[in-house]
Each structure stands twice: as structure tokens, then as C-alpha cells.
Amino acid sequence: MEVIDERVIALLKEALAFAKPNQKHLINTMSLDSRMSDLGVESIAALEMAGYLEEKLGVQFPDDELASVQTLRGLANLVHQYASAI
């Protein structure tokens, strides 16, 4: 059973604001089931989000797993899997 807590959601919001500063209005409407593409997060922005999270958490996500992420929930699951401090 997956548990996504408020700390992870806050980190995802920070990462989205970092990667897409002109679309901060989406932060309040996003859900964990939001598709990255629906939030305007294409490949470069997705890499920026991942890089932000990796730097903030001191981890590195495997490229193959990161490439398969399509929703914020998928990214949150990677955070839980690789960041022991969360």
C-alpha cells in the first residue's frame, strides 16, 4: 500500500514551480493522478523537476525508472523509494 504524505506533495509542488514558473497556477489544481503532460511538463521540464528533487533530497533516480513516470503519483513513488529521509 502506498502512502504519499504532505511532505512529498509539497516537494512535488516546489519542483513543478521550479520547472514551470509560468504555470504556478496549476499547483493548486494538481492532484497525484495528474498526468505530467496535462501540467505542461514535457521532457525538459520533467528532467528539471527530477533534478530539483534529486538535489533537494540528495538522491539520484535511475534514468529508466524516471523515463517511465507519467503522473505525479509515479514521481512521488520514486521519491518514497529512493529518499530515505522522507
N, C-alpha and C. Protein backbone atom coordinates (compact mmCIF):
# COMPACT_ATOMS: atom_id res chain seq x y z
N MET A 1 0.84 -1.18 0.00
CA MET A 1 0.00 0.00 0.00
C MET A 1 0.89 1.25 0.00
N GLU A 2 0.62 2.16 -0.87
CA GLU A 2 1.43 3.36 -0.94
C GLU A 2 0.86 4.45 -0.06
N VAL A 3 1.73 5.19 0.55
CA VAL A 3 1.33 6.31 1.37
C VAL A 3 2.12 7.53 0.89
N ILE A 4 1.41 8.50 0.39
CA ILE A 4 2.04 9.73 -0.07
C ILE A 4 1.69 10.80 0.96
N ASP A 5 2.69 11.29 1.66
CA ASP A 5 2.39 12.27 2.71
C ASP A 5 2.53 13.70 2.21
N GLU A 6 2.17 14.61 3.07
CA GLU A 6 2.16 16.03 2.71
C GLU A 6 3.55 16.56 2.37
N ARG A 7 4.60 16.00 2.96
CA ARG A 7 5.96 16.46 2.65
C ARG A 7 6.30 16.18 1.19
N VAL A 8 5.92 15.02 0.71
CA VAL A 8 6.20 14.66 -0.69
C VAL A 8 5.37 15.53 -1.62
N ILE A 9 4.12 15.75 -1.28
CA ILE A 9 3.27 16.60 -2.12
C ILE A 9 3.85 18.02 -2.17
N ALA A 10 4.31 18.53 -1.04
CA ALA A 10 4.92 19.86 -1.02
C ALA A 10 6.17 19.91 -1.90
N LEU A 11 6.98 18.85 -1.85
CA LEU A 11 8.18 18.79 -2.70
C LEU A 11 7.81 18.76 -4.18
N LEU A 12 6.77 18.02 -4.52
CA LEU A 12 6.32 17.97 -5.92
C LEU A 12 5.86 19.34 -6.38
N LYS A 13 5.15 20.05 -5.52
CA LYS A 13 4.70 21.40 -5.87
C LYS A 13 5.89 22.33 -6.07
N GLU A 14 6.89 22.23 -5.19
CA GLU A 14 8.10 23.05 -5.35
C GLU A 14 8.80 22.73 -6.67
N ALA A 15 8.90 21.44 -6.97
CA ALA A 15 9.58 21.02 -8.20
C ALA A 15 8.83 21.51 -9.43
N LEU A 16 7.50 21.45 -9.39
CA LEU A 16 6.70 21.92 -10.52
C LEU A 16 6.88 23.43 -10.69
N ALA A 17 6.86 24.17 -9.58
CA ALA A 17 7.05 25.63 -9.65
C ALA A 17 8.44 25.97 -10.18
N PHE A 18 9.44 25.16 -9.83
CA PHE A 18 10.80 25.37 -10.33
C PHE A 18 10.88 25.12 -11.83
N ALA A 19 10.29 24.02 -12.27
CA ALA A 19 10.39 23.63 -13.68
C ALA A 19 9.47 24.43 -14.59
N LYS A 20 8.34 24.86 -14.08
CA LYS A 20 7.35 25.58 -14.89
C LYS A 20 6.92 26.85 -14.17
N PRO A 21 7.82 27.82 -13.99
CA PRO A 21 7.48 29.02 -13.21
C PRO A 21 6.33 29.84 -13.79
N ASN A 22 6.08 29.73 -15.07
CA ASN A 22 4.98 30.47 -15.69
C ASN A 22 3.63 29.77 -15.52
N GLN A 23 3.65 28.59 -14.93
CA GLN A 23 2.40 27.84 -14.76
C GLN A 23 2.14 27.51 -13.30
N LYS A 24 2.55 28.41 -12.40
CA LYS A 24 2.36 28.18 -10.97
C LYS A 24 0.89 28.03 -10.61
N HIS A 25 0.00 28.59 -11.43
CA HIS A 25 -1.43 28.47 -11.14
C HIS A 25 -1.90 27.01 -11.15
N LEU A 26 -1.17 26.14 -11.82
CA LEU A 26 -1.54 24.72 -11.88
C LEU A 26 -1.28 24.00 -10.56
N ILE A 27 -0.43 24.57 -9.73
CA ILE A 27 -0.07 23.90 -8.48
C ILE A 27 -1.29 23.65 -7.61
N ASN A 28 -2.20 24.61 -7.55
CA ASN A 28 -3.38 24.45 -6.70
C ASN A 28 -4.41 23.50 -7.26
N THR A 29 -4.31 23.18 -8.53
CA THR A 29 -5.30 22.29 -9.14
C THR A 29 -4.75 20.89 -9.40
N MET A 30 -3.45 20.72 -9.19
CA MET A 30 -2.85 19.41 -9.48
C MET A 30 -3.27 18.38 -8.45
N SER A 31 -3.28 17.14 -8.89
CA SER A 31 -3.50 16.01 -7.98
C SER A 31 -2.42 14.99 -8.28
N LEU A 32 -2.30 14.01 -7.42
CA LEU A 32 -1.28 12.98 -7.65
C LEU A 32 -1.54 12.21 -8.93
N ASP A 33 -2.79 12.18 -9.37
CA ASP A 33 -3.11 11.46 -10.59
C ASP A 33 -3.02 12.33 -11.84
N SER A 34 -2.61 13.58 -11.66
CA SER A 34 -2.41 14.46 -12.82
C SER A 34 -1.28 13.90 -13.68
N ARG A 35 -1.56 13.84 -14.97
CA ARG A 35 -0.52 13.41 -15.91
C ARG A 35 0.45 14.57 -16.08
N MET A 36 1.71 14.23 -16.18
CA MET A 36 2.74 15.25 -16.35
C MET A 36 2.43 16.12 -17.57
N SER A 37 2.02 15.49 -18.66
CA SER A 37 1.74 16.23 -19.89
C SER A 37 0.56 17.18 -19.71
N ASP A 38 -0.42 16.83 -18.88
CA ASP A 38 -1.55 17.73 -18.63
C ASP A 38 -1.14 18.98 -17.86
N LEU A 39 -0.02 18.89 -17.15
CA LEU A 39 0.51 20.03 -16.41
C LEU A 39 1.51 20.82 -17.23
N GLY A 40 1.66 20.45 -18.49
CA GLY A 40 2.62 21.13 -19.36
C GLY A 40 4.04 20.68 -19.14
N VAL A 41 4.20 19.56 -18.45
CA VAL A 41 5.54 19.04 -18.14
C VAL A 41 5.93 18.04 -19.22
N GLU A 42 6.73 18.50 -20.15
CA GLU A 42 7.26 17.63 -21.20
C GLU A 42 8.67 17.22 -20.78
N SER A 43 9.42 16.65 -21.68
CA SER A 43 10.69 16.01 -21.32
C SER A 43 11.68 16.92 -20.59
N ILE A 44 11.90 18.13 -21.08
CA ILE A 44 12.88 19.01 -20.43
C ILE A 44 12.40 19.43 -19.05
N ALA A 45 11.14 19.80 -18.94
CA ALA A 45 10.60 20.20 -17.63
C ALA A 45 10.60 19.02 -16.66
N ALA A 46 10.34 17.82 -17.17
CA ALA A 46 10.37 16.64 -16.31
C ALA A 46 11.78 16.41 -15.76
N LEU A 47 12.78 16.61 -16.60
CA LEU A 47 14.17 16.48 -16.14
C LEU A 47 14.51 17.56 -15.12
N GLU A 48 13.98 18.77 -15.33
CA GLU A 48 14.22 19.84 -14.37
C GLU A 48 13.57 19.52 -13.03
N MET A 49 12.36 18.97 -13.07
CA MET A 49 11.69 18.57 -11.83
C MET A 49 12.49 17.49 -11.11
N ALA A 50 12.91 16.49 -11.86
CA ALA A 50 13.67 15.39 -11.28
C ALA A 50 14.99 15.90 -10.70
N GLY A 51 15.66 16.77 -11.44
CA GLY A 51 16.91 17.34 -10.96
C GLY A 51 16.72 18.14 -9.68
N TYR A 52 15.64 18.89 -9.62
CA TYR A 52 15.32 19.65 -8.41
C TYR A 52 15.15 18.71 -7.22
N LEU A 53 14.37 17.65 -7.43
CA LEU A 53 14.12 16.68 -6.35
C LEU A 53 15.40 15.95 -5.96
N GLU A 54 16.18 15.56 -6.94
CA GLU A 54 17.44 14.85 -6.65
C GLU A 54 18.37 15.72 -5.81
N GLU A 55 18.48 16.99 -6.18
CA GLU A 55 19.36 17.89 -5.44
C GLU A 55 18.82 18.14 -4.03
N LYS A 56 17.54 18.35 -3.93
CA LYS A 56 16.91 18.64 -2.64
C LYS A 56 17.02 17.45 -1.68
N LEU A 57 16.91 16.24 -2.24
CA LEU A 57 16.89 15.03 -1.41
C LEU A 57 18.23 14.31 -1.33
N GLY A 58 19.18 14.70 -2.17
CA GLY A 58 20.48 14.04 -2.18
C GLY A 58 20.42 12.62 -2.71
N VAL A 59 19.59 12.42 -3.73
CA VAL A 59 19.44 11.09 -4.34
C VAL A 59 19.62 11.21 -5.84
N GLN A 60 19.67 10.07 -6.51
CA GLN A 60 19.65 10.05 -7.96
C GLN A 60 18.68 8.97 -8.40
N PHE A 61 17.71 9.36 -9.20
CA PHE A 61 16.73 8.42 -9.70
C PHE A 61 17.29 7.71 -10.93
N PRO A 62 17.09 6.40 -11.06
CA PRO A 62 17.53 5.69 -12.26
C PRO A 62 16.82 6.24 -13.50
N ASP A 63 17.57 6.46 -14.55
CA ASP A 63 17.02 7.04 -15.78
C ASP A 63 15.85 6.24 -16.32
N ASP A 64 15.96 4.90 -16.30
CA ASP A 64 14.89 4.09 -16.88
C ASP A 64 13.60 4.21 -16.08
N GLU A 65 13.71 4.31 -14.76
CA GLU A 65 12.50 4.47 -13.95
C GLU A 65 11.92 5.87 -14.11
N LEU A 66 12.78 6.85 -14.18
CA LEU A 66 12.33 8.23 -14.37
C LEU A 66 11.63 8.39 -15.72
N ALA A 67 12.15 7.74 -16.74
CA ALA A 67 11.56 7.84 -18.08
C ALA A 67 10.16 7.26 -18.14
N SER A 68 9.84 6.34 -17.24
CA SER A 68 8.52 5.71 -17.28
C SER A 68 7.47 6.46 -16.46
N VAL A 69 7.87 7.50 -15.75
CA VAL A 69 6.93 8.26 -14.92
C VAL A 69 6.01 9.09 -15.82
N GLN A 70 4.71 8.92 -15.61
CA GLN A 70 3.74 9.67 -16.40
C GLN A 70 2.83 10.55 -15.55
N THR A 71 2.79 10.27 -14.24
CA THR A 71 1.93 11.04 -13.34
C THR A 71 2.74 11.54 -12.15
N LEU A 72 2.17 12.49 -11.44
CA LEU A 72 2.83 12.96 -10.22
C LEU A 72 2.91 11.84 -9.19
N ARG A 73 1.94 10.95 -9.17
CA ARG A 73 1.98 9.81 -8.26
C ARG A 73 3.21 8.93 -8.56
N GLY A 74 3.50 8.74 -9.82
CA GLY A 74 4.68 7.96 -10.19
C GLY A 74 5.96 8.62 -9.70
N LEU A 75 6.03 9.94 -9.81
CA LEU A 75 7.19 10.66 -9.32
C LEU A 75 7.25 10.60 -7.80
N ALA A 76 6.11 10.71 -7.15
CA ALA A 76 6.06 10.61 -5.68
C ALA A 76 6.52 9.23 -5.23
N ASN A 77 6.15 8.20 -5.95
CA ASN A 77 6.59 6.85 -5.60
C ASN A 77 8.11 6.72 -5.71
N LEU A 78 8.71 7.35 -6.72
CA LEU A 78 10.17 7.34 -6.83
C LEU A 78 10.80 8.05 -5.64
N VAL A 79 10.21 9.16 -5.24
CA VAL A 79 10.73 9.89 -4.08
C VAL A 79 10.72 8.98 -2.86
N HIS A 80 9.59 8.32 -2.63
CA HIS A 80 9.50 7.41 -1.48
C HIS A 80 10.49 6.26 -1.58
N GLN A 81 10.67 5.75 -2.77
CA GLN A 81 11.54 4.59 -2.95
C GLN A 81 13.01 4.93 -2.74
N TYR A 82 13.45 6.09 -3.18
CA TYR A 82 14.87 6.41 -3.17
C TYR A 82 15.32 7.41 -2.11
N ALA A 83 14.39 8.09 -1.48
CA ALA A 83 14.77 9.09 -0.47
C ALA A 83 14.41 8.57 0.92
N SER A 84 15.40 8.11 1.63
CA SER A 84 15.15 7.54 2.95
C SER A 84 14.74 8.59 3.98
N ALA A 85 15.04 9.86 3.71
CA ALA A 85 14.69 10.91 4.67
C ALA A 85 13.22 11.28 4.63
N ILE A 86 12.50 10.75 3.67
CA ILE A 86 11.08 11.09 3.53
C ILE A 86 10.24 10.08 4.27
